Amino acid sequence: MTIERFLENLKSDGYRLWFRREATCIYCTGLKERISPEEFKVDMFHYFQDNNNPDGDRIIFSITLTNGRKGFLIEMCNVYADNISYEMEQRLRWTYPSPLFD
């Protein structure tokens, strides 16, 4: 599945807000608000690997705010990973998919 198709599916499931990760919070461009880690939960994440460009790997988080509004965050893998608070690191914790071995 492509990133574009995945985002279309998220939007049809009500995840319409777009979030940007900052060091200590996420920022919602539509609401023009900063949201602390205590004010949101990650419902799921999906890892997209770009075989042609290792810097092109992305993770998309589907996020629900404490007020019930939903959105998504597109994260570039391993970029600026040191510029994040412990609370944000814990909230956005994820694991690489395990390779399948025969």
PDB file of N, CA and C in Angstrom:
ATOM      1  N   MET A   1       0.850  -1.180   0.000  1.00  0.00           N
ATOM      2  CA  MET A   1       0.000   0.000   0.000  1.00  0.00           C
ATOM      3  C   MET A   1       0.895   1.241   0.000  1.00  0.00           C
ATOM      4  N   THR A   2       0.501   2.238  -0.737  1.00  0.00           N
ATOM      5  CA  THR A   2       1.259   3.483  -0.783  1.00  0.00           C
ATOM      6  C   THR A   2       0.897   4.375   0.407  1.00  0.00           C
ATOM      7  N   ILE A   3       1.765   5.329   0.681  1.00  0.00           N
ATOM      8  CA  ILE A   3       1.487   6.295   1.750  1.00  0.00           C
ATOM      9  C   ILE A   3       0.209   7.071   1.433  1.00  0.00           C
ATOM     10  N   GLU A   4       0.051   7.456   0.180  1.00  0.00           N
ATOM     11  CA  GLU A   4      -1.126   8.237  -0.213  1.00  0.00           C
ATOM     12  C   GLU A   4      -2.412   7.465   0.051  1.00  0.00           C
ATOM     13  N   ARG A   5      -2.418   6.182  -0.317  1.00  0.00           N
ATOM     14  CA  ARG A   5      -3.610   5.349  -0.112  1.00  0.00           C
ATOM     15  C   ARG A   5      -3.875   5.146   1.380  1.00  0.00           C
ATOM     16  N   PHE A   6      -2.807   4.936   2.154  1.00  0.00           N
ATOM     17  CA  PHE A   6      -2.946   4.768   3.593  1.00  0.00           C
ATOM     18  C   PHE A   6      -3.565   6.020   4.217  1.00  0.00           C
ATOM     19  N   LEU A   7      -3.095   7.202   3.797  1.00  0.00           N
ATOM     20  CA  LEU A   7      -3.650   8.457   4.316  1.00  0.00           C
ATOM     21  C   LEU A   7      -5.117   8.631   3.924  1.00  0.00           C
ATOM     22  N   GLU A   8      -5.469   8.237   2.712  1.00  0.00           N
ATOM     23  CA  GLU A   8      -6.875   8.289   2.300  1.00  0.00           C
ATOM     24  C   GLU A   8      -7.737   7.429   3.221  1.00  0.00           C
ATOM     25  N   ASN A   9      -7.246   6.237   3.530  1.00  0.00           N
ATOM     26  CA  ASN A   9      -7.986   5.338   4.434  1.00  0.00           C
ATOM     27  C   ASN A   9      -8.121   5.945   5.828  1.00  0.00           C
ATOM     28  N   LEU A  10      -7.026   6.528   6.332  1.00  0.00           N
ATOM     29  CA  LEU A  10      -7.099   7.179   7.646  1.00  0.00           C
ATOM     30  C   LEU A  10      -8.129   8.292   7.648  1.00  0.00           C
ATOM     31  N   LYS A  11      -8.101   9.123   6.610  1.00  0.00           N
ATOM     32  CA  LYS A  11      -9.046  10.239   6.538  1.00  0.00           C
ATOM     33  C   LYS A  11     -10.488   9.741   6.476  1.00  0.00           C
ATOM     34  N   SER A  12     -10.721   8.649   5.762  1.00  0.00           N
ATOM     35  CA  SER A  12     -12.089   8.104   5.697  1.00  0.00           C
ATOM     36  C   SER A  12     -12.511   7.517   7.043  1.00  0.00           C
ATOM     37  N   ASP A  13     -11.537   7.172   7.899  1.00  0.00           N
ATOM     38  CA  ASP A  13     -11.834   6.688   9.251  1.00  0.00           C
ATOM     39  C   ASP A  13     -11.887   7.816  10.282  1.00  0.00           C
ATOM     40  N   GLY A  14     -11.830   9.063   9.811  1.00  0.00           N
ATOM     41  CA  GLY A  14     -11.987  10.201  10.705  1.00  0.00           C
ATOM     42  C   GLY A  14     -10.697  10.865  11.160  1.00  0.00           C
ATOM     43  N   TYR A  15      -9.557  10.370  10.730  1.00  0.00           N
ATOM     44  CA  TYR A  15      -8.262  10.963  11.097  1.00  0.00           C
ATOM     45  C   TYR A  15      -7.950  12.082  10.093  1.00  0.00           C
ATOM     46  N   ARG A  16      -8.433  13.275  10.393  1.00  0.00           N
ATOM     47  CA  ARG A  16      -8.353  14.371   9.431  1.00  0.00           C
ATOM     48  C   ARG A  16      -7.345  15.459   9.794  1.00  0.00           C
ATOM     49  N   LEU A  17      -7.025  15.596  11.060  1.00  0.00           N
ATOM     50  CA  LEU A  17      -6.080  16.638  11.480  1.00  0.00           C
ATOM     51  C   LEU A  17      -4.655  16.223  11.135  1.00  0.00           C
ATOM     52  N   TRP A  18      -3.827  17.203  10.794  1.00  0.00           N
ATOM     53  CA  TRP A  18      -2.427  16.932  10.493  1.00  0.00           C
ATOM     54  C   TRP A  18      -1.586  17.463  11.639  1.00  0.00           C
ATOM     55  N   PHE A  19      -0.708  16.591  12.164  1.00  0.00           N
ATOM     56  CA  PHE A  19       0.160  16.959  13.278  1.00  0.00           C
ATOM     57  C   PHE A  19       1.618  16.986  12.820  1.00  0.00           C
ATOM     58  N   ARG A  20       2.377  17.827  13.495  1.00  0.00           N
ATOM     59  CA  ARG A  20       3.824  17.914  13.281  1.00  0.00           C
ATOM     60  C   ARG A  20       4.488  17.691  14.639  1.00  0.00           C
ATOM     61  N   ARG A  21       5.510  16.836  14.664  1.00  0.00           N
ATOM     62  CA  ARG A  21       6.205  16.578  15.920  1.00  0.00           C
ATOM     63  C   ARG A  21       7.145  17.717  16.247  1.00  0.00           C
ATOM     64  N   GLU A  22       7.106  18.133  17.500  1.00  0.00           N
ATOM     65  CA  GLU A  22       8.059  19.091  18.035  1.00  0.00           C
ATOM     66  C   GLU A  22       8.787  18.396  19.179  1.00  0.00           C
ATOM     67  N   ALA A  23       9.728  19.057  19.797  1.00  0.00           N
ATOM     68  CA  ALA A  23      10.569  18.420  20.814  1.00  0.00           C
ATOM     69  C   ALA A  23       9.772  17.947  22.033  1.00  0.00           C
ATOM     70  N   THR A  24       8.768  18.716  22.452  1.00  0.00           N
ATOM     71  CA  THR A  24       8.047  18.373  23.679  1.00  0.00           C
ATOM     72  C   THR A  24       6.544  18.161  23.475  1.00  0.00           C
ATOM     73  N   CYS A  25       6.082  18.226  22.225  1.00  0.00           N
ATOM     74  CA  CYS A  25       4.650  18.123  21.957  1.00  0.00           C
ATOM     75  C   CYS A  25       4.425  17.817  20.486  1.00  0.00           C
ATOM     76  N   ILE A  26       3.154  17.731  20.097  1.00  0.00           N
ATOM     77  CA  ILE A  26       2.810  17.744  18.679  1.00  0.00           C
ATOM     78  C   ILE A  26       2.071  19.050  18.413  1.00  0.00           C
ATOM     79  N   TYR A  27       2.217  19.546  17.208  1.00  0.00           N
ATOM     80  CA  TYR A  27       1.550  20.781  16.827  1.00  0.00           C
ATOM     81  C   TYR A  27       0.508  20.448  15.778  1.00  0.00           C
ATOM     82  N   CYS A  28      -0.714  20.933  15.987  1.00  0.00           N
ATOM     83  CA  CYS A  28      -1.795  20.727  15.033  1.00  0.00           C
ATOM     84  C   CYS A  28      -1.938  21.987  14.188  1.00  0.00           C
ATOM     85  N   THR A  29      -1.685  21.834  12.897  1.00  0.00           N
ATOM     86  CA  THR A  29      -1.744  22.996  12.009  1.00  0.00           C
ATOM     87  C   THR A  29      -3.175  23.514  11.852  1.00  0.00           C
ATOM     88  N   GLY A  30      -4.157  22.608  11.814  1.00  0.00           N
ATOM     89  CA  GLY A  30      -5.549  23.024  11.644  1.00  0.00           C
ATOM     90  C   GLY A  30      -6.096  23.759  12.850  1.00  0.00           C
ATOM     91  N   LEU A  31      -5.729  23.300  14.035  1.00  0.00           N
ATOM     92  CA  LEU A  31      -6.205  23.931  15.265  1.00  0.00           C
ATOM     93  C   LEU A  31      -5.275  25.043  15.744  1.00  0.00           C
ATOM     94  N   LYS A  32      -4.075  25.088  15.182  1.00  0.00           N
ATOM     95  CA  LYS A  32      -3.040  26.043  15.601  1.00  0.00           C
ATOM     96  C   LYS A  32      -2.780  25.919  17.107  1.00  0.00           C
ATOM     97  N   GLU A  33      -2.614  24.655  17.540  1.00  0.00           N
ATOM     98  CA  GLU A  33      -2.396  24.367  18.957  1.00  0.00           C
ATOM     99  C   GLU A  33      -1.256  23.392  19.141  1.00  0.00           C
ATOM    100  N   ARG A  34      -0.562  23.545  20.253  1.00  0.00           N
ATOM    101  CA  ARG A  34       0.427  22.568  20.689  1.00  0.00           C
ATOM    102  C   ARG A  34      -0.274  21.612  21.650  1.00  0.00           C
ATOM    103  N   ILE A  35      -0.019  20.329  21.471  1.00  0.00           N
ATOM    104  CA  ILE A  35      -0.691  19.308  22.263  1.00  0.00           C
ATOM    105  C   ILE A  35       0.371  18.492  22.992  1.00  0.00           C
ATOM    106  N   SER A  36       0.283  18.482  24.310  1.00  0.00           N
ATOM    107  CA  SER A  36       1.275  17.785  25.126  1.00  0.00           C
ATOM    108  C   SER A  36       1.053  16.274  25.044  1.00  0.00           C
ATOM    109  N   PRO A  37       2.068  15.478  25.388  1.00  0.00           N
ATOM    110  CA  PRO A  37       1.934  14.017  25.316  1.00  0.00           C
ATOM    111  C   PRO A  37       0.780  13.464  26.147  1.00  0.00           C
ATOM    112  N   GLU A  38       0.414  14.148  27.222  1.00  0.00           N
ATOM    113  CA  GLU A  38      -0.696  13.676  28.050  1.00  0.00           C
ATOM    114  C   GLU A  38      -2.048  13.873  27.374  1.00  0.00           C
ATOM    115  N   GLU A  39      -2.087  14.692  26.335  1.00  0.00           N
ATOM    116  CA  GLU A  39      -3.355  15.045  25.692  1.00  0.00           C
ATOM    117  C   GLU A  39      -3.641  14.244  24.420  1.00  0.00           C
ATOM    118  N   PHE A  40      -2.824  13.229  24.130  1.00  0.00           N
ATOM    119  CA  PHE A  40      -3.093  12.406  22.961  1.00  0.00           C
ATOM    120  C   PHE A  40      -2.629  10.974  23.191  1.00  0.00           C
ATOM    121  N   LYS A  41      -3.190  10.083  22.376  1.00  0.00           N
ATOM    122  CA  LYS A  41      -2.732   8.695  22.383  1.00  0.00           C
ATOM    123  C   LYS A  41      -2.537   8.245  20.938  1.00  0.00           C
ATOM    124  N   VAL A  42      -1.596   7.358  20.768  1.00  0.00           N
ATOM    125  CA  VAL A  42      -1.347   6.768  19.455  1.00  0.00           C
ATOM    126  C   VAL A  42      -2.231   5.536  19.332  1.00  0.00           C
ATOM    127  N   ASP A  43      -3.113   5.556  18.339  1.00  0.00           N
ATOM    128  CA  ASP A  43      -3.999   4.417  18.117  1.00  0.00           C
ATOM    129  C   ASP A  43      -3.275   3.295  17.386  1.00  0.00           C
ATOM    130  N   MET A  44      -2.480   3.662  16.399  1.00  0.00           N
ATOM    131  CA  MET A  44      -1.681   2.693  15.655  1.00  0.00           C
ATOM    132  C   MET A  44      -0.622   3.438  14.867  1.00  0.00           C
ATOM    133  N   PHE A  45       0.321   2.695  14.356  1.00  0.00           N
ATOM    134  CA  PHE A  45       1.323   3.271  13.464  1.00  0.00           C
ATOM    135  C   PHE A  45       1.575   2.299  12.335  1.00  0.00           C
ATOM    136  N   HIS A  46       2.064   2.833  11.235  1.00  0.00           N
ATOM    137  CA  HIS A  46       2.398   2.007  10.076  1.00  0.00           C
ATOM    138  C   HIS A  46       3.735   2.476   9.529  1.00  0.00           C
ATOM    139  N   TYR A  47       4.635   1.533   9.302  1.00  0.00           N
ATOM    140  CA  TYR A  47       5.970   1.813   8.808  1.00  0.00           C
ATOM    141  C   TYR A  47       6.013   1.629   7.300  1.00  0.00           C
ATOM    142  N   PHE A  48       6.529   2.635   6.597  1.00  0.00           N
ATOM    143  CA  PHE A  48       6.697   2.563   5.146  1.00  0.00           C
ATOM    144  C   PHE A  48       8.181   2.597   4.836  1.00  0.00           C
ATOM    145  N   GLN A  49       8.658   1.568   4.170  1.00  0.00           N
ATOM    146  CA  GLN A  49      10.068   1.480   3.822  1.00  0.00           C
ATOM    147  C   GLN A  49      10.254   1.873   2.366  1.00  0.00           C
ATOM    148  N   ASP A  50      11.238   2.724   2.119  1.00  0.00           N
ATOM    149  CA  ASP A  50      11.587   3.135   0.765  1.00  0.00           C
ATOM    150  C   ASP A  50      12.877   2.414   0.396  1.00  0.00           C
ATOM    151  N   ASN A  51      12.756   1.357  -0.395  1.00  0.00           N
ATOM    152  CA  ASN A  51      13.926   0.549  -0.756  1.00  0.00           C
ATOM    153  C   ASN A  51      14.938   1.309  -1.597  1.00  0.00           C
ATOM    154  N   ASN A  52      14.496   2.343  -2.285  1.00  0.00           N
ATOM    155  CA  ASN A  52      15.399   3.116  -3.130  1.00  0.00           C
ATOM    156  C   ASN A  52      16.150   4.204  -2.379  1.00  0.00           C
ATOM    157  N   ASN A  53      15.630   4.586  -1.214  1.00  0.00           N
ATOM    158  CA  ASN A  53      16.217   5.682  -0.464  1.00  0.00           C
ATOM    159  C   ASN A  53      16.022   5.440   1.033  1.00  0.00           C
ATOM    160  N   PRO A  54      17.082   5.005   1.744  1.00  0.00           N
ATOM    161  CA  PRO A  54      16.924   4.727   3.172  1.00  0.00           C
ATOM    162  C   PRO A  54      16.451   5.937   3.972  1.00  0.00           C
ATOM    163  N   ASP A  55      16.749   7.146   3.494  1.00  0.00           N
ATOM    164  CA  ASP A  55      16.275   8.350   4.176  1.00  0.00           C
ATOM    165  C   ASP A  55      14.807   8.627   3.872  1.00  0.00           C
ATOM    166  N   GLY A  56      14.206   7.830   3.002  1.00  0.00           N
ATOM    167  CA  GLY A  56      12.814   8.025   2.625  1.00  0.00           C
ATOM    168  C   GLY A  56      11.831   7.227   3.459  1.00  0.00           C
ATOM    169  N   ASP A  57      12.338   6.413   4.414  1.00  0.00           N
ATOM    170  CA  ASP A  57      11.450   5.637   5.277  1.00  0.00           C
ATOM    171  C   ASP A  57      10.581   6.580   6.118  1.00  0.00           C
ATOM    172  N   ARG A  58       9.321   6.190   6.318  1.00  0.00           N
ATOM    173  CA  ARG A  58       8.378   7.014   7.069  1.00  0.00           C
ATOM    174  C   ARG A  58       7.550   6.139   8.011  1.00  0.00           C
ATOM    175  N   ILE A  59       7.090   6.743   9.079  1.00  0.00           N
ATOM    176  CA  ILE A  59       6.122   6.120   9.976  1.00  0.00           C
ATOM    177  C   ILE A  59       4.932   7.065  10.033  1.00  0.00           C
ATOM    178  N   ILE A  60       3.757   6.515   9.890  1.00  0.00           N
ATOM    179  CA  ILE A  60       2.542   7.320  10.034  1.00  0.00           C
ATOM    180  C   ILE A  60       1.840   6.859  11.302  1.00  0.00           C
ATOM    181  N   PHE A  61       1.631   7.802  12.207  1.00  0.00           N
ATOM    182  CA  PHE A  61       0.919   7.540  13.452  1.00  0.00           C
ATOM    183  C   PHE A  61      -0.508   8.049  13.316  1.00  0.00           C
ATOM    184  N   SER A  62      -1.476   7.220  13.696  1.00  0.00           N
ATOM    185  CA  SER A  62      -2.849   7.716  13.821  1.00  0.00           C
ATOM    186  C   SER A  62      -3.032   8.080  15.292  1.00  0.00           C
ATOM    187  N   ILE A  63      -3.539   9.274  15.520  1.00  0.00           N
ATOM    188  CA  ILE A  63      -3.563   9.869  16.853  1.00  0.00           C
ATOM    189  C   ILE A  63      -4.970  10.339  17.205  1.00  0.00           C
ATOM    190  N   THR A  64      -5.363  10.074  18.459  1.00  0.00           N
ATOM    191  CA  THR A  64      -6.626  10.592  18.980  1.00  0.00           C
ATOM    192  C   THR A  64      -6.321  11.509  20.156  1.00  0.00           C
ATOM    193  N   LEU A  65      -6.875  12.710  20.111  1.00  0.00           N
ATOM    194  CA  LEU A  65      -6.724  13.666  21.207  1.00  0.00           C
ATOM    195  C   LEU A  65      -7.697  13.327  22.329  1.00  0.00           C
ATOM    196  N   THR A  66      -7.432  13.839  23.514  1.00  0.00           N
ATOM    197  CA  THR A  66      -8.319  13.568  24.648  1.00  0.00           C
ATOM    198  C   THR A  66      -9.723  14.110  24.408  1.00  0.00           C
ATOM    199  N   ASN A  67      -9.878  15.097  23.520  1.00  0.00           N
ATOM    200  CA  ASN A  67     -11.206  15.629  23.211  1.00  0.00           C
ATOM    201  C   ASN A  67     -11.910  14.829  22.112  1.00  0.00           C
ATOM    202  N   GLY A  68     -11.268  13.735  21.653  1.00  0.00           N
ATOM    203  CA  GLY A  68     -11.896  12.859  20.671  1.00  0.00           C
ATOM    204  C   GLY A  68     -11.544  13.158  19.226  1.00  0.00           C
ATOM    205  N   ARG A  69     -10.940  14.301  18.948  1.00  0.00           N
ATOM    206  CA  ARG A  69     -10.562  14.628  17.570  1.00  0.00           C
ATOM    207  C   ARG A  69      -9.416  13.737  17.136  1.00  0.00           C
ATOM    208  N   LYS A  70      -9.351  13.438  15.829  1.00  0.00           N
ATOM    209  CA  LYS A  70      -8.367  12.488  15.321  1.00  0.00           C
ATOM    210  C   LYS A  70      -7.541  13.097  14.198  1.00  0.00           C
ATOM    211  N   GLY A  71      -6.309  12.617  14.110  1.00  0.00           N
ATOM    212  CA  GLY A  71      -5.429  13.064  13.053  1.00  0.00           C
ATOM    213  C   GLY A  71      -4.257  12.125  12.877  1.00  0.00           C
ATOM    214  N   PHE A  72      -3.269  12.592  12.131  1.00  0.00           N
ATOM    215  CA  PHE A  72      -2.117  11.755  11.836  1.00  0.00           C
ATOM    216  C   PHE A  72      -0.829  12.569  11.879  1.00  0.00           C
ATOM    217  N   LEU A  73       0.242  11.856  12.101  1.00  0.00           N
ATOM    218  CA  LEU A  73       1.589  12.434  12.155  1.00  0.00           C
ATOM    219  C   LEU A  73       2.466  11.605  11.235  1.00  0.00           C
ATOM    220  N   ILE A  74       3.159  12.252  10.311  1.00  0.00           N
ATOM    221  CA  ILE A  74       4.098  11.564   9.434  1.00  0.00           C
ATOM    222  C   ILE A  74       5.496  11.867   9.947  1.00  0.00           C
ATOM    223  N   GLU A  75       6.201  10.817  10.314  1.00  0.00           N
ATOM    224  CA  GLU A  75       7.521  10.957  10.927  1.00  0.00           C
ATOM    225  C   GLU A  75       8.580  10.373  10.002  1.00  0.00           C
ATOM    226  N   MET A  76       9.638  11.130   9.801  1.00  0.00           N
ATOM    227  CA  MET A  76      10.785  10.629   9.062  1.00  0.00           C
ATOM    228  C   MET A  76      11.609   9.778  10.022  1.00  0.00           C
ATOM    229  N   CYS A  77      11.928   8.579   9.652  1.00  0.00           N
ATOM    230  CA  CYS A  77      12.652   7.659  10.532  1.00  0.00           C
ATOM    231  C   CYS A  77      14.064   8.152  10.811  1.00  0.00           C
ATOM    232  N   ASN A  78      14.404   8.149  12.094  1.00  0.00           N
ATOM    233  CA  ASN A  78      15.761   8.449  12.559  1.00  0.00           C
ATOM    234  C   ASN A  78      16.246   9.863  12.259  1.00  0.00           C
ATOM    235  N   VAL A  79      15.382  10.745  11.849  1.00  0.00           N
ATOM    236  CA  VAL A  79      15.787  12.123  11.606  1.00  0.00           C
ATOM    237  C   VAL A  79      15.398  12.956  12.820  1.00  0.00           C
ATOM    238  N   TYR A  80      16.346  13.662  13.359  1.00  0.00           N
ATOM    239  CA  TYR A  80      16.135  14.509  14.533  1.00  0.00           C
ATOM    240  C   TYR A  80      15.646  13.710  15.743  1.00  0.00           C
ATOM    241  N   ALA A  81      16.011  12.429  15.822  1.00  0.00           N
ATOM    242  CA  ALA A  81      15.540  11.590  16.922  1.00  0.00           C
ATOM    243  C   ALA A  81      16.065  12.072  18.269  1.00  0.00           C
ATOM    244  N   ASP A  82      17.204  12.760  18.268  1.00  0.00           N
ATOM    245  CA  ASP A  82      17.757  13.247  19.530  1.00  0.00           C
ATOM    246  C   ASP A  82      17.074  14.531  19.994  1.00  0.00           C
ATOM    247  N   ASN A  83      16.243  15.121  19.170  1.00  0.00           N
ATOM    248  CA  ASN A  83      15.562  16.373  19.498  1.00  0.00           C
ATOM    249  C   ASN A  83      14.125  16.085  19.934  1.00  0.00           C
ATOM    250  N   ILE A  84      13.996  15.287  21.009  1.00  0.00           N
ATOM    251  CA  ILE A  84      12.666  14.921  21.462  1.00  0.00           C
ATOM    252  C   ILE A  84      12.721  14.656  22.971  1.00  0.00           C
ATOM    253  N   SER A  85      11.698  15.082  23.671  1.00  0.00           N
ATOM    254  CA  SER A  85      11.661  14.868  25.120  1.00  0.00           C
ATOM    255  C   SER A  85      11.392  13.401  25.430  1.00  0.00           C
ATOM    256  N   TYR A  86      11.701  13.030  26.653  1.00  0.00           N
ATOM    257  CA  TYR A  86      11.465  11.650  27.095  1.00  0.00           C
ATOM    258  C   TYR A  86       9.974  11.305  26.985  1.00  0.00           C
ATOM    259  N   GLU A  87       9.107  12.226  27.380  1.00  0.00           N
ATOM    260  CA  GLU A  87       7.664  11.991  27.328  1.00  0.00           C
ATOM    261  C   GLU A  87       7.185  11.762  25.889  1.00  0.00           C
ATOM    262  N   MET A  88       7.718  12.547  24.964  1.00  0.00           N
ATOM    263  CA  MET A  88       7.346  12.362  23.560  1.00  0.00           C
ATOM    264  C   MET A  88       7.908  11.049  23.023  1.00  0.00           C
ATOM    265  N   GLU A  89       9.105  10.723  23.409  1.00  0.00           N
ATOM    266  CA  GLU A  89       9.709   9.457  22.978  1.00  0.00           C
ATOM    267  C   GLU A  89       8.857   8.277  23.441  1.00  0.00           C
ATOM    268  N   GLN A  90       8.389   8.325  24.681  1.00  0.00           N
ATOM    269  CA  GLN A  90       7.554   7.249  25.207  1.00  0.00           C
ATOM    270  C   GLN A  90       6.203   7.183  24.491  1.00  0.00           C
ATOM    271  N   ARG A  91       5.628   8.323  24.186  1.00  0.00           N
ATOM    272  CA  ARG A  91       4.313   8.363  23.540  1.00  0.00           C
ATOM    273  C   ARG A  91       4.394   7.871  22.090  1.00  0.00           C
ATOM    274  N   LEU A  92       5.487   8.206  21.412  1.00  0.00           N
ATOM    275  CA  LEU A  92       5.628   7.842  19.998  1.00  0.00           C
ATOM    276  C   LEU A  92       6.515   6.611  19.800  1.00  0.00           C
ATOM    277  N   ARG A  93       6.599   5.784  20.815  1.00  0.00           N
ATOM    278  CA  ARG A  93       7.439   4.591  20.729  1.00  0.00           C
ATOM    279  C   ARG A  93       6.879   3.629  19.693  1.00  0.00           C
ATOM    280  N   TRP A  94       7.764   3.063  18.910  1.00  0.00           N
ATOM    281  CA  TRP A  94       7.379   2.097  17.892  1.00  0.00           C
ATOM    282  C   TRP A  94       8.573   1.181  17.664  1.00  0.00           C
ATOM    283  N   THR A  95       8.346   0.118  16.914  1.00  0.00           N
ATOM    284  CA  THR A  95       9.427  -0.820  16.598  1.00  0.00           C
ATOM    285  C   THR A  95       9.473  -1.042  15.094  1.00  0.00           C
ATOM    286  N   TYR A  96      10.687  -1.278  14.606  1.00  0.00           N
ATOM    287  CA  TYR A  96      10.813  -1.636  13.188  1.00  0.00           C
ATOM    288  C   TYR A  96      10.110  -2.978  12.953  1.00  0.00           C
ATOM    289  N   PRO A  97       9.550  -3.162  11.797  1.00  0.00           N
ATOM    290  CA  PRO A  97       8.951  -4.472  11.501  1.00  0.00           C
ATOM    291  C   PRO A  97      10.043  -5.534  11.471  1.00  0.00           C
ATOM    292  N   SER A  98       9.710  -6.716  11.951  1.00  0.00           N
ATOM    293  CA  SER A  98      10.670  -7.811  11.956  1.00  0.00           C
ATOM    294  C   SER A  98      10.750  -8.434  10.566  1.00  0.00           C
ATOM    295  N   PRO A  99      11.964  -8.664  10.084  1.00  0.00           N
ATOM    296  CA  PRO A  99      12.072  -9.343   8.801  1.00  0.00           C
ATOM    297  C   PRO A  99      11.650 -10.801   8.954  1.00  0.00           C
ATOM    298  N   LEU A 100      11.101 -11.340   7.907  1.00  0.00           N
ATOM    299  CA  LEU A 100      10.680 -12.737   7.939  1.00  0.00           C
ATOM    300  C   LEU A 100      11.810 -13.606   7.422  1.00  0.00           C
ATOM    301  N   PHE A 101      12.097 -14.627   8.166  1.00  0.00           N
ATOM    302  CA  PHE A 101      13.147 -15.561   7.769  1.00  0.00           C
ATOM    303  C   PHE A 101      12.510 -16.901   7.441  1.00  0.00           C
ATOM    304  N   ASP A 102      12.994 -17.524   6.389  1.00  0.00           N
ATOM    305  CA  ASP A 102      12.485 -18.846   6.013  1.00  0.00           C
ATOM    306  C   ASP A 102      13.225 -19.934   6.748  1.00  0.00           C
TER     307      ASP A 102
END
